[in-house]
Amino acid sequence: MNRSVDEADLTLYYAMHRKALTRCLHQKEEDLHMKSFLKRSAVKQLACFLLAVIITVGFVPLPAQASTTKYNYKITTLKQKKWVTAKDYSYNYDTSTYTYNLYKISVPANSFIRVDCKNKSNSIRFYKSVNRKKDIFDQDYEFFLSDESIYRRVLPKGTYYIRADEGTTFKWQSSITKNPTNFCRSRSARLKAGYKKWEVFNYGYEFDRWYRISLTARKPITVTMKNMDLDGGGTFSIYNSRGYKVDCNQLNDTNYRTAVLPKGTYYIRVYTYANYNEHYNRIFQFWWR
């Protein structure tokens, strides 16, 4: 029996395209093999990388974690006029702890302090506050004193902490001062010859101080001006009764003199360059003759 037309056509079509279909199937099979190979290669590379990391970590020791340094503060209240020999600090190697010895003082308002030191410490530091979690040497201090036996400072009212070098023997005391009202020439205060006047510029009272003096005979005016807080020098000017400034020559560190002046009334204006946040250039002693 003869084949149908459809079967003959299909046989002819298959015969014509068999080779092409075979090549297509082989190409797909090769593509699948290549993808499988690439996937296996990627897995192998990742495994080799992880193995290298594991080997490296295993043979290279990790750095040891540093121990945390701790700080301890032993604070002792120090009364006025009481001598004390300072202890600086100690260190505990087992606990990695520094222990600092500080001294606490309370400064009243409108006063200056005096610190006496027997052995001229290289460093006495004053702190307004202390952070107990930090090293004392990493903290800001108000000011420090060094290489003198007597120190004076004007401080705002408050609590302060003192750290001194090991073996420093010192004491402190405060002196209350009255804020004057002679801040202009019309309110000048009379000052006798030879009277040694202390001038203290408290915080908030940095205005000028005016004094009225009298020459009973024709002569020069000599003024001695000493800075008592050990920083800088005292500053003053002399004026005649008409308000004109009188020239004054500096003889040495503390003494000044005018030319010969006629008898009459003169004025001495004492002032400071201290700013509101400076602890020095605030204490002077002066007199005239």
Protein backbone atom coordinates (compact mmCIF):
# COMPACT_ATOMS: atom_id res chain seq x y z
CA MET A 1 0.00 0.00 0.00
CA ASN A 2 1.32 3.45 -0.94
CA ARG A 3 2.19 5.94 1.73
CA SER A 4 0.00 8.99 2.15
CA VAL A 5 1.22 12.37 0.94
CA ASP A 6 1.69 13.63 4.49
CA GLU A 7 3.94 10.73 5.48
CA ALA A 8 6.03 11.15 2.33
CA ASP A 9 6.46 14.85 2.97
CA LEU A 10 7.42 14.25 6.62
CA THR A 11 9.99 11.62 5.60
CA LEU A 12 11.47 13.98 3.05
CA TYR A 13 11.53 16.86 5.62
CA TYR A 14 13.28 14.70 8.24
CA ALA A 15 15.85 13.49 5.72
CA MET A 16 16.66 17.05 4.69
CA HIS A 17 16.99 18.50 8.25
CA ARG A 18 18.34 15.50 10.20
CA LYS A 19 21.92 16.72 10.12
CA ALA A 20 20.95 20.24 11.21
CA LEU A 21 18.82 18.92 14.09
CA THR A 22 21.63 16.63 15.18
CA ARG A 23 24.14 19.53 15.26
CA CYS A 24 21.67 21.65 17.29
CA LEU A 25 21.18 18.89 19.87
CA HIS A 26 24.94 18.40 20.14
CA GLN A 27 25.47 22.16 20.63
CA LYS A 28 22.90 22.28 23.46
CA GLU A 29 24.55 19.30 25.09
CA GLU A 30 27.98 20.99 24.87
CA ASP A 31 26.48 24.18 26.35
CA LEU A 32 25.09 22.24 29.30
CA HIS A 33 28.47 20.58 29.85
CA MET A 34 30.25 23.95 29.73
CA LYS A 35 27.84 25.53 32.26
CA SER A 36 28.30 22.58 34.55
CA PHE A 37 32.09 22.89 34.21
CA LEU A 38 32.05 26.61 34.94
CA LYS A 39 29.81 26.10 37.97
CA ARG A 40 32.12 23.40 39.30
CA SER A 41 35.14 25.66 38.67
CA ALA A 42 33.56 28.58 40.59
CA VAL A 43 32.76 26.29 43.51
CA LYS A 44 36.33 24.98 43.52
CA GLN A 45 37.76 28.52 43.45
CA LEU A 46 35.55 29.59 46.35
CA ALA A 47 36.54 26.51 48.30
CA CYS A 48 40.23 27.21 47.69
CA PHE A 49 39.82 30.80 48.83
CA LEU A 50 38.05 29.79 52.04
CA LEU A 51 40.70 27.14 52.68
CA ALA A 52 43.46 29.73 52.25
CA VAL A 53 41.74 32.07 54.71
CA ILE A 54 41.33 29.26 57.24
CA ILE A 55 45.00 28.28 56.89
CA THR A 56 46.14 31.90 57.24
CA VAL A 57 44.04 32.51 60.33
CA GLY A 58 45.18 29.26 61.79
CA PHE A 59 48.87 29.98 61.42
CA VAL A 60 48.93 33.80 62.04
CA PRO A 61 48.09 34.63 65.66
CA LEU A 62 45.54 37.40 66.22
CA PRO A 63 46.81 40.41 68.24
CA ALA A 64 45.95 40.19 71.90
CA GLN A 65 43.25 42.62 73.03
CA ALA A 66 44.75 45.45 75.08
CA SER A 67 43.58 45.71 78.65
CA THR A 68 41.48 48.76 79.56
CA THR A 69 43.26 51.34 81.68
CA LYS A 70 41.24 52.51 84.67
CA TYR A 71 41.53 55.63 86.79
CA ASN A 72 40.82 56.10 90.44
CA TYR A 73 40.85 59.40 92.31
CA LYS A 74 41.48 59.77 96.00
CA ILE A 75 40.27 63.26 96.93
CA THR A 76 41.11 64.80 100.31
CA THR A 77 39.51 68.04 101.56
CA LEU A 78 42.29 70.45 102.49
CA LYS A 79 41.55 73.06 105.16
CA GLN A 80 43.09 76.50 105.11
CA LYS A 81 46.54 77.04 106.68
CA LYS A 82 47.17 73.30 107.01
CA TRP A 83 50.49 72.02 105.71
CA VAL A 84 50.36 68.85 103.61
CA THR A 85 52.98 66.82 101.76
CA ALA A 86 51.57 65.75 98.42
CA LYS A 87 51.36 62.22 97.10
CA ASP A 88 51.14 62.07 93.36
CA TYR A 89 49.88 58.70 92.03
CA SER A 90 50.28 54.94 92.17
CA TYR A 91 49.75 52.20 89.56
CA ASN A 92 48.34 48.69 89.98
CA TYR A 93 49.69 46.40 87.25
CA ASP A 94 47.20 43.61 88.00
CA THR A 95 44.17 45.81 87.38
CA SER A 96 45.81 48.42 85.07
CA THR A 97 44.60 51.16 87.41
CA TYR A 98 46.11 54.56 88.12
CA THR A 99 45.24 56.13 91.47
CA TYR A 100 45.72 59.91 91.69
CA ASN A 101 45.78 61.89 94.92
CA LEU A 102 44.01 65.25 94.72
CA TYR A 103 43.22 67.93 97.29
CA LYS A 104 39.91 69.79 97.29
CA ILE A 105 39.55 73.41 98.41
CA SER A 106 36.58 75.80 98.56
CA VAL A 107 37.26 79.40 97.56
CA PRO A 108 34.84 82.10 98.82
CA ALA A 109 33.59 84.95 96.67
CA ASN A 110 35.55 88.21 96.32
CA SER A 111 38.81 86.81 97.57
CA PHE A 112 42.28 85.80 96.48
CA ILE A 113 44.20 82.75 97.59
CA ARG A 114 47.77 82.43 98.76
CA VAL A 115 49.69 79.16 98.37
CA ASP A 116 52.91 78.67 100.36
CA CYS A 117 55.31 76.01 99.14
CA LYS A 118 58.33 74.92 101.16
CA ASN A 119 60.26 73.18 98.41
CA LYS A 120 59.34 75.15 95.27
CA SER A 121 57.42 72.45 93.46
CA ASN A 122 57.87 72.11 89.71
CA SER A 123 54.12 71.86 89.28
CA ILE A 124 50.97 72.58 91.30
CA ARG A 125 47.89 72.39 89.08
CA PHE A 126 44.41 73.68 89.89
CA TYR A 127 41.39 72.00 88.27
CA LYS A 128 37.81 73.30 88.30
CA SER A 129 36.40 69.81 87.77
CA VAL A 130 37.66 66.23 87.44
CA ASN A 131 36.47 63.53 85.03
CA ARG A 132 37.00 60.29 86.94
CA LYS A 133 37.05 58.24 83.74
CA LYS A 134 40.00 60.09 82.23
CA ASP A 135 43.68 60.49 83.02
CA ILE A 136 44.31 63.67 85.02
CA PHE A 137 47.02 64.69 82.54
CA ASP A 138 44.47 64.59 79.69
CA GLN A 139 42.20 67.08 81.44
CA ASP A 140 42.15 70.87 81.25
CA TYR A 141 43.38 72.76 84.28
CA GLU A 142 42.65 76.34 85.34
CA PHE A 143 46.29 77.27 85.90
CA PHE A 144 49.52 75.89 87.29
CA LEU A 145 52.19 77.22 89.65
CA SER A 146 55.90 76.45 89.56
CA ASP A 147 59.33 77.37 90.94
CA GLU A 148 58.18 79.84 93.60
CA SER A 149 57.69 79.65 97.35
CA ILE A 150 54.64 81.96 97.48
CA TYR A 151 51.81 82.17 94.97
CA ARG A 152 48.74 84.42 94.86
CA ARG A 153 45.74 84.15 92.57
CA VAL A 154 42.30 85.71 92.26
CA LEU A 155 39.74 82.96 91.64
CA PRO A 156 35.98 82.96 91.13
CA LYS A 157 34.00 81.45 93.96
CA GLY A 158 33.84 77.66 93.78
CA THR A 159 35.47 74.30 94.40
CA TYR A 160 38.91 73.53 93.04
CA TYR A 161 41.08 70.41 92.94
CA ILE A 162 44.84 70.53 93.40
CA ARG A 163 47.38 68.06 92.01
CA ALA A 164 50.96 68.58 93.16
CA ASP A 165 54.22 66.82 92.43
CA GLU A 166 55.25 63.98 94.73
CA GLY A 167 56.78 65.34 97.94
CA THR A 168 55.57 68.92 97.52
CA THR A 169 54.84 70.47 100.93
CA PHE A 170 52.32 73.31 100.75
CA LYS A 171 49.37 75.06 102.38
CA TRP A 172 46.75 77.54 101.22
CA GLN A 173 44.53 80.29 102.58
CA SER A 174 42.09 82.88 101.22
CA SER A 175 41.69 86.58 101.94
CA ILE A 176 38.38 88.38 101.50
CA THR A 177 38.63 91.74 99.74
CA LYS A 178 36.20 94.63 99.50
CA ASN A 179 35.32 95.90 96.05
CA PRO A 180 35.98 99.68 96.00
CA THR A 181 33.89 102.41 94.43
CA ASN A 182 36.65 104.83 93.32
CA PHE A 183 36.22 103.95 89.66
CA CYS A 184 36.52 107.53 88.31
CA ARG A 185 38.41 110.73 89.14
CA SER A 186 35.39 112.40 90.73
CA ARG A 187 35.15 109.49 93.18
CA SER A 188 38.87 109.19 93.84
CA ALA A 189 40.06 108.03 97.27
CA ARG A 190 42.68 109.94 99.22
CA LEU A 191 46.03 108.16 99.49
CA LYS A 192 48.72 109.35 101.90
CA ALA A 193 52.40 109.29 101.01
CA GLY A 194 54.17 106.08 102.04
CA TYR A 195 50.96 104.10 102.62
CA LYS A 196 51.32 100.65 100.98
CA LYS A 197 48.06 99.99 99.20
CA TRP A 198 46.92 96.53 98.06
CA GLU A 199 44.79 96.56 94.94
CA VAL A 200 42.83 93.42 94.09
CA PHE A 201 40.74 93.17 90.93
CA ASN A 202 38.05 90.59 91.63
CA TYR A 203 36.05 88.97 88.85
CA GLY A 204 33.45 91.41 87.58
CA TYR A 205 35.27 94.35 89.19
CA GLU A 206 38.06 95.03 86.69
CA PHE A 207 37.29 98.77 86.52
CA ASP A 208 39.97 101.44 87.10
CA ARG A 209 40.88 102.63 90.60
CA TRP A 210 41.54 106.35 91.17
CA TYR A 211 43.52 107.86 94.06
CA ARG A 212 44.04 111.50 95.03
CA ILE A 213 47.44 112.62 96.34
CA SER A 214 48.79 116.01 97.51
CA LEU A 215 52.23 117.51 96.99
CA THR A 216 53.02 120.03 99.72
CA ALA A 217 56.19 121.19 98.02
CA ARG A 218 57.76 121.29 94.58
CA LYS A 219 59.29 117.86 93.91
CA PRO A 220 59.00 114.71 91.73
CA ILE A 221 56.51 111.93 92.44
CA THR A 222 57.98 108.46 92.86
CA VAL A 223 55.66 105.45 92.59
CA THR A 224 56.55 101.87 93.52
CA MET A 225 54.28 99.29 91.85
CA LYS A 226 54.68 95.58 92.53
CA ASN A 227 52.80 92.73 90.87
CA MET A 228 51.87 90.25 93.59
CA ASP A 229 50.52 87.39 91.50
CA LEU A 230 53.86 86.87 89.73
CA ASP A 231 52.72 87.52 86.19
CA GLY A 232 53.40 90.75 84.35
CA GLY A 233 53.59 94.17 85.97
CA GLY A 234 51.26 96.72 87.45
CA THR A 235 49.91 99.49 85.25
CA PHE A 236 49.12 103.05 86.34
CA SER A 237 49.06 106.65 85.13
CA ILE A 238 49.50 110.01 86.88
CA TYR A 239 47.32 113.07 86.10
CA ASN A 240 47.40 116.66 87.28
CA SER A 241 44.41 118.54 88.68
CA ARG A 242 43.36 119.63 85.18
CA GLY A 243 43.17 116.04 83.97
CA TYR A 244 46.35 116.05 81.87
CA LYS A 245 48.58 113.01 81.98
CA VAL A 246 52.00 113.48 83.59
CA ASP A 247 55.03 111.76 82.06
CA CYS A 248 56.62 109.12 84.28
CA ASN A 249 59.96 107.38 83.68
CA GLN A 250 60.62 103.80 84.72
CA LEU A 251 63.69 103.52 86.96
CA ASN A 252 63.71 99.72 87.32
CA ASP A 253 61.23 96.82 87.47
CA THR A 254 59.07 98.37 90.19
CA ASN A 255 59.96 102.07 90.56
CA TYR A 256 58.78 105.03 88.47
CA ARG A 257 59.43 108.78 88.78
CA THR A 258 58.12 111.99 87.27
CA ALA A 259 60.00 115.20 86.67
CA VAL A 260 59.90 117.89 89.35
CA LEU A 261 56.28 119.02 89.71
CA PRO A 262 54.73 122.05 91.37
CA LYS A 263 52.88 121.49 94.60
CA GLY A 264 49.19 120.69 94.32
CA THR A 265 46.73 117.84 93.80
CA TYR A 266 47.50 114.89 91.53
CA TYR A 267 45.75 111.64 90.68
CA ILE A 268 47.00 108.08 90.31
CA ARG A 269 44.90 105.75 88.15
CA VAL A 270 45.58 102.04 88.69
CA TYR A 271 44.21 99.56 86.14
CA THR A 272 44.61 95.99 84.91
CA TYR A 273 44.77 94.26 81.55
CA ALA A 274 43.27 91.08 83.00
CA ASN A 275 40.28 89.79 81.08
CA TYR A 276 37.27 88.18 82.72
CA ASN A 277 38.74 84.68 82.29
CA GLU A 278 42.32 85.40 83.42
CA HIS A 279 43.59 84.58 86.91
CA TYR A 280 46.66 86.83 86.82
CA ASN A 281 47.53 90.56 86.69
CA ARG A 282 44.90 91.14 89.34
CA ILE A 283 46.88 91.75 92.55
CA PHE A 284 49.16 94.77 93.04
CA GLN A 285 50.83 96.58 95.90
CA PHE A 286 51.88 100.20 95.40
CA TRP A 287 52.74 103.39 97.23
CA TRP A 288 54.01 106.84 96.42
CA ARG A 289 56.45 109.29 97.95
